[in-house]
Every structure is written in structure tokens, then in C-alpha cells.
Protein backbone atom coordinates (compact mmCIF):
# COMPACT_ATOMS: atom_id res chain seq x y z
CA MET A 1 -25.38 220.19 -144.62
CA LYS A 2 -27.38 221.53 -142.16
CA LYS A 3 -25.60 223.44 -139.04
CA PRO A 4 -26.10 220.64 -136.26
CA ALA A 5 -24.52 218.23 -138.82
CA LEU A 6 -21.80 220.67 -139.34
CA LEU A 7 -20.96 221.12 -135.99
CA ILE A 8 -21.08 217.45 -135.39
CA ALA A 9 -18.65 216.66 -138.26
CA ALA A 10 -16.17 219.47 -137.07
CA ALA A 11 -16.20 218.00 -133.46
CA VAL A 12 -15.29 214.33 -134.74
CA ALA A 13 -12.30 215.77 -136.93
CA SER A 14 -10.83 217.88 -134.44
CA SER A 15 -11.10 214.97 -131.58
CA GLN A 16 -9.37 212.84 -134.34
CA LEU A 17 -6.62 215.40 -134.63
CA ALA A 18 -6.66 215.34 -130.88
CA PHE A 19 -5.86 211.85 -131.02
CA ALA A 20 -3.55 211.72 -133.41
CA ALA A 21 -1.29 214.36 -131.42
CA PRO A 22 0.25 212.30 -129.36
CA SER A 23 1.28 209.95 -132.03
CA LEU A 24 2.72 212.75 -134.41
CA ALA A 25 5.07 213.52 -131.26
CA ASN A 26 6.99 210.26 -131.57
CA THR A 27 7.39 210.43 -135.25
CA VAL A 28 10.73 211.21 -136.30
CA LYS A 29 11.35 213.82 -138.77
CA VAL A 30 12.89 213.56 -141.99
CA THR A 31 14.15 216.54 -144.11
CA PRO A 32 15.86 216.02 -147.61
CA LEU A 33 18.65 218.41 -148.19
CA GLY A 34 18.96 218.53 -151.93
CA GLY A 35 20.86 221.01 -154.18
CA VAL A 36 17.27 222.93 -155.02
CA ASP A 37 14.69 223.98 -152.65
CA GLY A 38 11.35 221.73 -153.14
CA GLU A 39 13.03 219.25 -154.85
CA PHE A 40 15.12 216.20 -154.39
CA CYS A 41 16.93 215.52 -157.50
CA ARG A 42 18.72 212.37 -158.97
CA LEU A 43 22.17 213.50 -157.40
CA ASP A 44 20.64 214.56 -154.09
CA ARG A 45 21.48 212.12 -151.00
CA ALA A 46 21.35 214.12 -147.80
CA MET A 47 18.51 214.13 -145.35
CA ILE A 48 18.12 215.07 -141.63
CA PHE A 49 16.69 212.72 -139.45
CA GLU A 50 15.44 214.57 -136.43
CA ASP A 51 14.30 212.30 -133.32
CA PRO A 52 11.49 213.73 -131.38
CA ASN A 53 14.09 213.71 -128.16
CA GLY A 54 16.02 216.38 -130.77
CA THR A 55 18.69 214.03 -131.47
CA ARG A 56 19.35 215.31 -135.37
CA ILE A 57 21.41 212.73 -137.92
CA LEU A 58 22.84 213.83 -141.30
CA TYR A 59 22.42 211.27 -143.45
CA ASP A 60 25.51 210.98 -146.47
CA ALA A 61 26.06 215.02 -146.32
CA GLY A 62 27.27 214.25 -150.01
CA ARG A 63 27.40 217.05 -152.52
CA SER A 64 23.97 218.79 -152.07
CA VAL A 65 25.03 220.11 -148.34
CA ALA A 66 26.74 223.49 -148.83
CA GLY A 67 29.42 222.60 -146.48
CA ALA A 68 29.69 223.30 -142.59
CA ASP A 69 27.95 226.63 -143.12
CA ASP A 70 25.05 225.40 -144.84
CA PRO A 71 22.07 227.27 -142.84
CA ARG A 72 20.00 224.53 -143.57
CA LEU A 73 21.88 222.13 -141.12
CA GLY A 74 21.31 223.64 -137.65
CA LYS A 75 22.44 221.35 -134.92
CA ILE A 76 23.77 217.95 -136.05
CA ASP A 77 24.62 215.52 -133.42
CA VAL A 78 25.66 212.41 -135.74
CA LEU A 79 26.77 212.20 -139.25
CA LEU A 80 25.88 208.64 -140.68
CA VAL A 81 27.69 207.65 -143.99
CA SER A 82 26.06 204.65 -146.10
CA HIS A 83 29.51 204.20 -148.16
CA MET A 84 32.57 205.58 -149.37
CA HIS A 85 31.56 207.09 -152.85
CA GLY A 86 32.14 210.76 -153.10
CA ASP A 87 28.62 211.53 -153.80
CA HIS A 88 27.77 209.79 -150.17
CA ALA A 89 31.07 211.42 -147.95
CA GLY A 90 31.26 214.52 -149.91
CA ASP A 91 34.26 214.92 -152.24
CA ARG A 92 33.08 218.41 -153.30
CA HIS A 93 30.06 220.21 -152.49
CA MET A 94 27.53 223.41 -153.79
CA LYS A 95 28.70 226.83 -152.83
CA ALA A 96 25.16 227.73 -151.50
CA PRO A 97 22.01 225.91 -151.39
CA ASN A 98 20.17 226.46 -154.75
CA SER A 99 23.53 226.59 -156.60
CA GLY A 100 22.76 225.36 -160.03
CA THR A 101 19.62 223.45 -161.28
CA CYS A 102 18.43 219.50 -160.75
CA SER A 103 19.59 218.72 -164.36
CA LYS A 104 22.99 221.08 -164.07
CA PRO A 105 23.86 221.27 -159.96
CA ASP A 106 26.94 223.46 -159.26
CA PHE A 107 29.18 221.12 -157.19
CA SER A 108 32.27 223.38 -157.86
CA VAL A 109 33.69 223.73 -154.16
CA SER A 110 36.38 220.67 -153.23
CA ALA A 111 36.24 219.45 -149.90
CA VAL A 112 39.59 217.54 -150.76
CA PRO A 113 41.54 216.45 -148.69
CA ASN A 114 38.79 216.43 -146.08
CA THR A 115 35.26 215.45 -147.03
CA ASN A 116 32.47 217.23 -146.81
CA THR A 117 31.52 215.07 -143.55
CA VAL A 118 34.57 215.60 -141.91
CA ASN A 119 34.29 219.29 -142.16
CA ILE A 120 30.50 219.34 -140.99
CA ALA A 121 31.63 217.03 -138.03
CA LEU A 122 34.48 219.07 -137.00
CA ALA A 123 32.35 222.45 -137.14
CA LYS A 124 29.41 220.70 -135.46
CA GLY A 125 31.22 218.94 -133.01
CA ALA A 126 29.12 215.79 -133.96
CA LYS A 127 30.25 212.04 -134.34
CA ILE A 128 30.70 210.07 -137.55
CA VAL A 129 29.00 206.34 -137.68
CA THR A 130 29.74 204.59 -140.43
CA GLY A 131 30.59 200.90 -141.44
CA SER A 132 33.51 198.61 -142.90
CA GLU A 133 36.72 200.48 -143.24
CA MET A 134 35.69 203.88 -142.94
CA PRO A 135 36.02 204.41 -139.03
CA PRO A 136 39.73 204.69 -139.52
CA PHE A 137 39.54 206.64 -142.57
CA PHE A 138 37.38 209.55 -140.95
CA GLY A 139 39.15 209.18 -137.74
CA GLY A 140 42.48 209.97 -139.54
CA LYS A 141 41.17 212.80 -141.01
CA LEU A 142 39.21 214.33 -137.92
CA LYS A 143 42.74 213.90 -135.66
CA ALA A 144 44.98 215.71 -138.63
CA ASN A 145 42.19 218.67 -138.16
CA GLY A 146 42.41 218.82 -134.42
CA GLY A 147 39.46 216.64 -133.78
CA ASN A 148 39.13 213.24 -131.85
CA PRO A 149 39.33 210.24 -133.86
CA LYS A 150 37.38 208.38 -131.40
CA ASP A 151 34.72 210.35 -133.11
CA SER A 152 34.43 208.15 -135.75
CA CYS A 153 33.17 204.88 -135.15
CA TRP A 154 31.54 201.62 -135.66
CA CYS A 155 29.63 202.45 -132.40
CA ALA A 156 26.33 202.58 -130.54
CA LEU A 157 25.65 206.12 -129.24
CA VAL A 158 24.54 206.71 -125.97
CA ARG A 159 23.59 210.34 -124.62
């Protein structure tokens, strides 16, 4: 490729990136929180959705989030729980990220009588958004631990 053609190709590519940047700024960032860095193993459930406005939603804290002190969490505004199975609400969890392997994760820390979800919500001052019978369940756990039971809801969140 001759130098002028190379310069034209570079200019076209950079202009395409410039026009793409505004659309990238309006994209929700999705980060899986698997038990092993760089993997999303068959028993992993957790994901963080980060809105461009900075709102961070933790979906199904489950077992692969290493409790409320997991360094990957950062700020969490809302915990969203899809359904009431232990691997989604977090009946137990890992000691730390990368505890175990994909084929043999180390979910040795019990979150009973609470759940990983409740412990994270309490530590982060976050709301728990769920459906069906779950809001009273999580609300009772929050209240029993000094939290606000109204932070567990079938609610539309307005900030």
C-alpha cells in the first residue's frame, strides 16, 4: 500500500472510531463475576451491569461472589435476584476469587442464616429487587440484621 492510500485508510478508520465513541458511551457494561478470572464456569451466575449513568446492578450474587468484601464488587446500588435457588441467592460462597477451579469450585463459606445477597446488600447499602414471594423473605433478613426491610421490594427504582 502506498503512503497516501495508507494515510487515507487511517483517516477513515479514525473517523469511524470518532463516530462510534458516542454510541459506546451509551452502552451498558456487563461484567461476569465467575469463580475463576477470565472464565465463566458452569456454576457461575453473577454479573454486574453498569449503566452509563454509574448505576451498578449485581445480578444473582450466587456463590461465585466472595461475600460482601469481594474486591471485584466496588459500588453496588441494586441486587437483582432471578429466583430463590441457593446458587442464585447465595446460600454459600467462595472464600476469595479464584478459590478452586471451574470443575471444582470452593464454595465453602456458608451464608446461612442470611444469604450472600443479603450480606452484600447490607454492606453496600443496596436495594434488593426480586419477584414472587422473595421481597418479604429478603426484607425479614435485612430487618433481622439492622437493615431496612423496605430495601427489599418489587419496585421501580427512581434515583
